[in-house]
């Protein structure tokens, strides 16, 4: 029928757009991973920022991979997805990498704040001195917390698999997503908890950087020369604020389809998926542009590709 044809075309468009966004994001994060791994091999070590960026790039790469598999199969071939143990494993890895990328990003913001901000508080000075030793423990705690959330998600998915079978037999995945969301409310609650904890760290980092910048600007009012410290403050503020704004929009689009009045509207579902799969690549691209070494390598690669295309 014409209705089934429209639904099939709509699903095909969604899968095509999600695929393009996913592979673009995976390429961008793979670029970060390759650059940092090459630097690791050359220098035999990585500094704290590079460690965080490496884990953040890996988590976003695999999060996009498993999210794409989950969404593509749930739209096109739900019968191949909702089987034991495929469904539970995909939910586990998707939850693990989704939460780990949130906390790795928060660790990056906290690290930049402590390194750049200037306060005379003894505890803050202690953190500034010891931050390089604290970072590995922050990353380890993030991995362990994400693992606990992944295990919890696996258990929730396992308990609700039989209920999902009843819905997927009825037809279209997007049509039944509103009913299925009722069974996965706990998963969205877990994602919300991860967002709140990471966003709290980001907000406090931005506030501390703002006050540090304000104090530093007052001391520089009589000096006409540019301050490298002020430039670092402003650059860090831009990175943290961009992270918070984009993550807030990301969280809104994650929750929006759960609202009863909007979860059955196709445009809302489409926009939500469009932004959720674009975010990991867009923010990683912002991180590349804000890093001079990565930016130069990216420009060099793009210029080489452009030259090869022109030669053809």
Foldseek 3Di string as FASTA:
>chain_A
DVVVVVLVVLLVVLLVLLVVLLVLLLVLLVLLLVVLVVVCVVVVDDFLLSVLSNLLSVLLNVLSVLVSVVSNCLAPPVVVQLDPPNVLVSQLSNQLSLLLNLQSVLLNLLLLLLCQFDDPDPVSVVCNVCVRVCSVVSSVVSNVVSNVLSVVRSVLSVVCSVVVVVVVVVDGSLQCVQVVVVSCVVVLVVSVVSNVVSLVSLVVSLVRLVVRLVVVVVVCVVPPDDDPSNVSSVLSNVLSVVVNVLVVVLNCLVCVLNPPVRVNPPVSVSVSSSSNSNSSRVSSVVVQVSDVVSVVVVVVVVVVVVVVVVVD
